[in-house]
Every structure is written in C-alpha cells, then in structure tokens.
Amino acid sequence: MISLFPLQMARLFGLVRAIVPAQVFDGRTSSWVLIVRGRGFTRVLRDEPLPAPNLIRPDGWNLPRPLRFPSEQVAVTYAASMGLLPGRTTWTIKE
C-alpha cells in the first residue's frame, strides 16, 4: 500500500504510469480501491489512520487499510479531486 504523500512524490518524479480503479470483494460486499501502477511497482492507495487511537475499532487503529469507495464513479471522482488523474482534454457536445 502507498500513502498519499509518497504517491504525490512519485508523481512529481515521473514514476507513476497510471492510477486506475479496481473492484475488490471481501466475502460479503464489494468495494472499489485505487491501484497505482508505477515504474517497477504496483500499490493500492492506503487509507490514512485516524489520529485518535482511542476510538473503538475491531482491528488495531494503526493497521494499514486500503482506501475504499462504494462505486467506481466515486473512486474516479476522488482521484480527480486529489489531482491524481489528468484533466479532461475532450468533451462531448450534444448537437
């Protein structure tokens, strides 16, 4: 897994080739994650742990978790809002 700050640094140095959404299943439900494909590495975008370790959680508060989204569109929108995806260069125009 990769955090947002090292991902931004890898993008700055031109090490990231693509960021794509992928569907994952955990047995009961499915969700979407962002996969970072780079030069020599493939990682899943990591969810940042909350700064309050005293919250009640079934797992440890500082265990790495992937950043999950309910749908592909939400994952793409998040990646675009964080500047992880390139801007659109073409738009469709209805006649």
N, C-alpha and C. Protein backbone atom coordinates (compact mmCIF):
# COMPACT_ATOMS: atom_id res chain seq x y z
N MET A 1 0.84 -1.18 0.00
CA MET A 1 0.00 0.00 0.00
C MET A 1 0.89 1.24 0.00
N ILE A 2 0.35 2.31 -0.50
CA ILE A 2 1.09 3.56 -0.58
C ILE A 2 0.20 4.68 -0.05
N SER A 3 0.80 5.57 0.73
CA SER A 3 0.08 6.72 1.27
C SER A 3 0.05 7.84 0.23
N LEU A 4 -0.74 8.86 0.52
CA LEU A 4 -0.93 9.94 -0.43
C LEU A 4 0.34 10.77 -0.63
N PHE A 5 1.09 11.05 0.43
CA PHE A 5 2.29 11.87 0.28
C PHE A 5 3.36 11.19 -0.56
N PRO A 6 3.73 9.91 -0.29
CA PRO A 6 4.70 9.26 -1.19
C PRO A 6 4.18 9.13 -2.62
N LEU A 7 2.86 9.00 -2.78
CA LEU A 7 2.29 8.93 -4.12
C LEU A 7 2.50 10.24 -4.86
N GLN A 8 2.27 11.35 -4.17
CA GLN A 8 2.48 12.66 -4.80
C GLN A 8 3.96 12.87 -5.16
N MET A 9 4.85 12.38 -4.31
CA MET A 9 6.29 12.49 -4.61
C MET A 9 6.66 11.62 -5.82
N ALA A 10 6.10 10.43 -5.89
CA ALA A 10 6.36 9.55 -7.04
C ALA A 10 5.82 10.17 -8.33
N ARG A 11 4.68 10.83 -8.25
CA ARG A 11 4.15 11.52 -9.43
C ARG A 11 5.04 12.68 -9.82
N LEU A 12 5.57 13.38 -8.84
CA LEU A 12 6.45 14.51 -9.11
C LEU A 12 7.71 14.07 -9.87
N PHE A 13 8.25 12.91 -9.51
CA PHE A 13 9.45 12.40 -10.16
C PHE A 13 9.15 11.57 -11.41
N GLY A 14 7.87 11.47 -11.80
CA GLY A 14 7.50 10.77 -13.01
C GLY A 14 7.54 9.25 -12.90
N LEU A 15 7.36 8.72 -11.70
CA LEU A 15 7.40 7.28 -11.50
C LEU A 15 6.04 6.60 -11.63
N VAL A 16 4.97 7.37 -11.68
CA VAL A 16 3.62 6.81 -11.74
C VAL A 16 3.17 6.79 -13.19
N ARG A 17 2.76 5.61 -13.66
CA ARG A 17 2.27 5.47 -15.03
C ARG A 17 0.76 5.68 -15.12
N ALA A 18 0.02 5.08 -14.18
CA ALA A 18 -1.45 5.19 -14.23
C ALA A 18 -2.03 4.94 -12.85
N ILE A 19 -3.20 5.51 -12.62
CA ILE A 19 -3.98 5.26 -11.41
C ILE A 19 -5.35 4.82 -11.89
N VAL A 20 -5.71 3.58 -11.55
CA VAL A 20 -6.95 3.00 -12.06
C VAL A 20 -7.79 2.47 -10.90
N PRO A 21 -9.13 2.56 -11.01
CA PRO A 21 -9.99 1.94 -10.00
C PRO A 21 -10.09 0.44 -10.25
N ALA A 22 -10.23 -0.32 -9.17
CA ALA A 22 -10.38 -1.78 -9.26
C ALA A 22 -11.38 -2.22 -8.21
N GLN A 23 -12.16 -3.23 -8.55
CA GLN A 23 -13.18 -3.74 -7.63
C GLN A 23 -12.58 -4.87 -6.80
N VAL A 24 -12.85 -4.83 -5.49
CA VAL A 24 -12.39 -5.88 -4.58
C VAL A 24 -13.58 -6.45 -3.83
N PHE A 25 -13.48 -7.73 -3.48
CA PHE A 25 -14.53 -8.41 -2.73
C PHE A 25 -13.96 -8.87 -1.40
N ASP A 26 -14.72 -8.67 -0.32
CA ASP A 26 -14.27 -9.14 0.98
C ASP A 26 -15.13 -10.28 1.51
N GLY A 27 -15.80 -10.99 0.63
CA GLY A 27 -16.63 -12.11 1.04
C GLY A 27 -18.10 -11.76 1.07
N ARG A 28 -18.45 -10.63 1.68
CA ARG A 28 -19.85 -10.23 1.80
C ARG A 28 -20.21 -9.14 0.78
N THR A 29 -19.40 -8.14 0.71
CA THR A 29 -19.70 -6.99 -0.15
C THR A 29 -18.53 -6.71 -1.07
N SER A 30 -18.77 -5.84 -2.01
CA SER A 30 -17.68 -5.41 -2.89
C SER A 30 -17.49 -3.91 -2.72
N SER A 31 -16.30 -3.48 -2.95
CA SER A 31 -15.99 -2.06 -2.92
C SER A 31 -14.91 -1.79 -3.96
N TRP A 32 -14.56 -0.55 -4.12
CA TRP A 32 -13.59 -0.14 -5.12
C TRP A 32 -12.39 0.49 -4.44
N VAL A 33 -11.21 0.24 -4.99
CA VAL A 33 -9.96 0.84 -4.50
C VAL A 33 -9.25 1.46 -5.68
N LEU A 34 -8.25 2.29 -5.40
CA LEU A 34 -7.43 2.89 -6.45
C LEU A 34 -6.08 2.18 -6.49
N ILE A 35 -5.74 1.64 -7.65
CA ILE A 35 -4.46 0.96 -7.84
C ILE A 35 -3.50 1.92 -8.53
N VAL A 36 -2.30 2.04 -7.98
CA VAL A 36 -1.26 2.90 -8.53
C VAL A 36 -0.27 2.01 -9.27
N ARG A 37 -0.18 2.19 -10.57
CA ARG A 37 0.78 1.43 -11.37
C ARG A 37 1.93 2.36 -11.70
N GLY A 38 3.11 1.97 -11.27
CA GLY A 38 4.28 2.80 -11.48
C GLY A 38 5.39 2.05 -12.17
N ARG A 39 6.52 2.69 -12.26
CA ARG A 39 7.69 2.07 -12.87
C ARG A 39 8.34 1.16 -11.84
N GLY A 40 8.03 -0.14 -11.95
CA GLY A 40 8.61 -1.11 -11.04
C GLY A 40 7.79 -1.39 -9.79
N PHE A 41 6.60 -0.83 -9.68
CA PHE A 41 5.77 -1.11 -8.51
C PHE A 41 4.30 -0.99 -8.86
N THR A 42 3.48 -1.72 -8.13
CA THR A 42 2.02 -1.63 -8.19
C THR A 42 1.52 -1.63 -6.76
N ARG A 43 0.82 -0.60 -6.36
CA ARG A 43 0.35 -0.46 -4.99
C ARG A 43 -1.11 -0.05 -4.96
N VAL A 44 -1.76 -0.28 -3.82
CA VAL A 44 -3.11 0.17 -3.57
C VAL A 44 -3.02 1.42 -2.70
N LEU A 45 -3.83 2.43 -3.02
CA LEU A 45 -3.82 3.67 -2.24
C LEU A 45 -4.28 3.37 -0.82
N ARG A 46 -3.51 3.81 0.14
CA ARG A 46 -3.75 3.49 1.55
C ARG A 46 -4.62 4.55 2.20
N ASP A 47 -5.50 4.09 3.08
CA ASP A 47 -6.31 4.99 3.88
C ASP A 47 -5.47 5.47 5.05
N GLU A 48 -5.47 6.75 5.30
CA GLU A 48 -4.69 7.29 6.41
C GLU A 48 -5.38 6.97 7.72
N PRO A 49 -4.65 6.45 8.72
CA PRO A 49 -5.29 6.14 10.00
C PRO A 49 -5.72 7.41 10.72
N LEU A 50 -6.78 7.29 11.48
CA LEU A 50 -7.26 8.44 12.25
C LEU A 50 -6.26 8.78 13.34
N PRO A 51 -6.11 10.06 13.67
CA PRO A 51 -5.13 10.44 14.69
C PRO A 51 -5.55 10.10 16.12
N ALA A 52 -6.76 9.62 16.32
CA ALA A 52 -7.23 9.30 17.67
C ALA A 52 -7.20 7.78 17.87
N PRO A 53 -6.16 7.25 18.54
CA PRO A 53 -6.07 5.80 18.71
C PRO A 53 -7.05 5.23 19.71
N ASN A 54 -7.74 6.08 20.47
CA ASN A 54 -8.66 5.56 21.49
C ASN A 54 -10.05 5.27 20.94
N LEU A 55 -10.26 5.40 19.62
CA LEU A 55 -11.55 5.03 19.04
C LEU A 55 -11.70 3.51 19.06
N ILE A 56 -12.91 3.05 19.24
CA ILE A 56 -13.16 1.61 19.30
C ILE A 56 -13.22 1.08 17.88
N ARG A 57 -12.34 0.14 17.58
CA ARG A 57 -12.31 -0.49 16.27
C ARG A 57 -12.07 -1.98 16.48
N PRO A 58 -12.59 -2.81 15.58
CA PRO A 58 -12.35 -4.25 15.74
C PRO A 58 -10.89 -4.62 15.51
N ASP A 59 -10.21 -3.91 14.64
CA ASP A 59 -8.78 -4.15 14.40
C ASP A 59 -7.98 -3.04 15.06
N GLY A 60 -6.69 -3.16 15.02
CA GLY A 60 -5.84 -2.11 15.56
C GLY A 60 -6.05 -0.81 14.82
N TRP A 61 -5.95 0.30 15.48
CA TRP A 61 -6.23 1.60 14.86
C TRP A 61 -5.16 1.99 13.85
N ASN A 62 -3.97 1.44 13.99
CA ASN A 62 -2.90 1.87 13.09
C ASN A 62 -2.56 0.82 12.03
N LEU A 63 -3.38 -0.21 11.88
CA LEU A 63 -3.15 -1.19 10.82
C LEU A 63 -3.42 -0.54 9.46
N PRO A 64 -2.58 -0.81 8.47
CA PRO A 64 -2.83 -0.22 7.15
C PRO A 64 -4.09 -0.81 6.52
N ARG A 65 -4.89 0.06 5.92
CA ARG A 65 -6.12 -0.33 5.25
C ARG A 65 -6.15 0.35 3.89
N PRO A 66 -6.73 -0.33 2.90
CA PRO A 66 -6.90 0.36 1.63
C PRO A 66 -8.02 1.39 1.71
N LEU A 67 -7.88 2.44 0.96
CA LEU A 67 -8.91 3.46 0.87
C LEU A 67 -10.02 2.90 -0.02
N ARG A 68 -11.22 2.67 0.55
CA ARG A 68 -12.31 2.01 -0.17
C ARG A 68 -13.39 3.01 -0.55
N PHE A 69 -14.03 2.72 -1.69
CA PHE A 69 -15.09 3.57 -2.21
C PHE A 69 -16.29 2.69 -2.55
N PRO A 70 -17.51 3.22 -2.45
CA PRO A 70 -18.70 2.40 -2.73
C PRO A 70 -18.93 2.10 -4.21
N SER A 71 -18.38 2.93 -5.11
CA SER A 71 -18.59 2.69 -6.54
C SER A 71 -17.37 3.17 -7.32
N GLU A 72 -17.32 2.77 -8.57
CA GLU A 72 -16.21 3.18 -9.44
C GLU A 72 -16.24 4.68 -9.68
N GLN A 73 -17.42 5.24 -9.86
CA GLN A 73 -17.54 6.68 -10.12
C GLN A 73 -17.03 7.50 -8.93
N VAL A 74 -17.32 7.06 -7.72
CA VAL A 74 -16.83 7.77 -6.53
C VAL A 74 -15.31 7.70 -6.46
N ALA A 75 -14.73 6.55 -6.79
CA ALA A 75 -13.27 6.41 -6.78
C ALA A 75 -12.62 7.32 -7.81
N VAL A 76 -13.20 7.38 -9.01
CA VAL A 76 -12.64 8.25 -10.06
C VAL A 76 -12.79 9.71 -9.67
N THR A 77 -13.94 10.08 -9.10
CA THR A 77 -14.15 11.46 -8.67
C THR A 77 -13.16 11.86 -7.58
N TYR A 78 -12.90 10.96 -6.62
CA TYR A 78 -11.93 11.25 -5.56
C TYR A 78 -10.54 11.43 -6.15
N ALA A 79 -10.15 10.53 -7.05
CA ALA A 79 -8.82 10.64 -7.66
C ALA A 79 -8.67 11.93 -8.45
N ALA A 80 -9.72 12.33 -9.15
CA ALA A 80 -9.66 13.58 -9.91
C ALA A 80 -9.61 14.79 -8.98
N SER A 81 -10.35 14.75 -7.87
CA SER A 81 -10.35 15.88 -6.94
C SER A 81 -9.02 16.03 -6.22
N MET A 82 -8.29 14.93 -6.04
CA MET A 82 -6.98 14.99 -5.38
C MET A 82 -5.86 15.29 -6.37
N GLY A 83 -6.20 15.43 -7.65
CA GLY A 83 -5.20 15.73 -8.67
C GLY A 83 -4.41 14.51 -9.11
N LEU A 84 -4.94 13.32 -8.87
CA LEU A 84 -4.23 12.10 -9.22
C LEU A 84 -4.46 11.69 -10.67
N LEU A 85 -5.54 12.16 -11.27
CA LEU A 85 -5.85 11.85 -12.66
C LEU A 85 -5.65 13.10 -13.51
N PRO A 86 -5.22 12.92 -14.75
CA PRO A 86 -5.06 14.11 -15.61
C PRO A 86 -6.41 14.72 -15.93
N GLY A 87 -6.40 16.00 -16.22
CA GLY A 87 -7.64 16.69 -16.56
C GLY A 87 -8.17 16.23 -17.90
N ARG A 88 -9.44 16.44 -18.10
CA ARG A 88 -10.05 16.05 -19.37
C ARG A 88 -9.56 16.95 -20.49
N THR A 89 -9.32 16.34 -21.63
CA THR A 89 -8.87 17.13 -22.79
C THR A 89 -9.96 17.22 -23.84
N THR A 90 -10.98 16.36 -23.79
CA THR A 90 -12.07 16.42 -24.75
C THR A 90 -13.40 16.35 -24.01
N TRP A 91 -14.39 16.97 -24.57
CA TRP A 91 -15.74 16.94 -24.03
C TRP A 91 -16.70 16.61 -25.15
N THR A 92 -17.72 15.88 -24.82
CA THR A 92 -18.74 15.57 -25.83
C THR A 92 -19.76 16.71 -25.87
N ILE A 93 -20.15 17.06 -27.08
CA ILE A 93 -21.11 18.15 -27.27
C ILE A 93 -22.33 17.57 -27.94
N LYS A 94 -23.47 17.80 -27.33
CA LYS A 94 -24.72 17.34 -27.92
C LYS A 94 -25.15 18.32 -29.00
N GLU A 95 -25.54 17.76 -30.12
CA GLU A 95 -25.97 18.62 -31.23
C GLU A 95 -27.45 18.91 -31.15
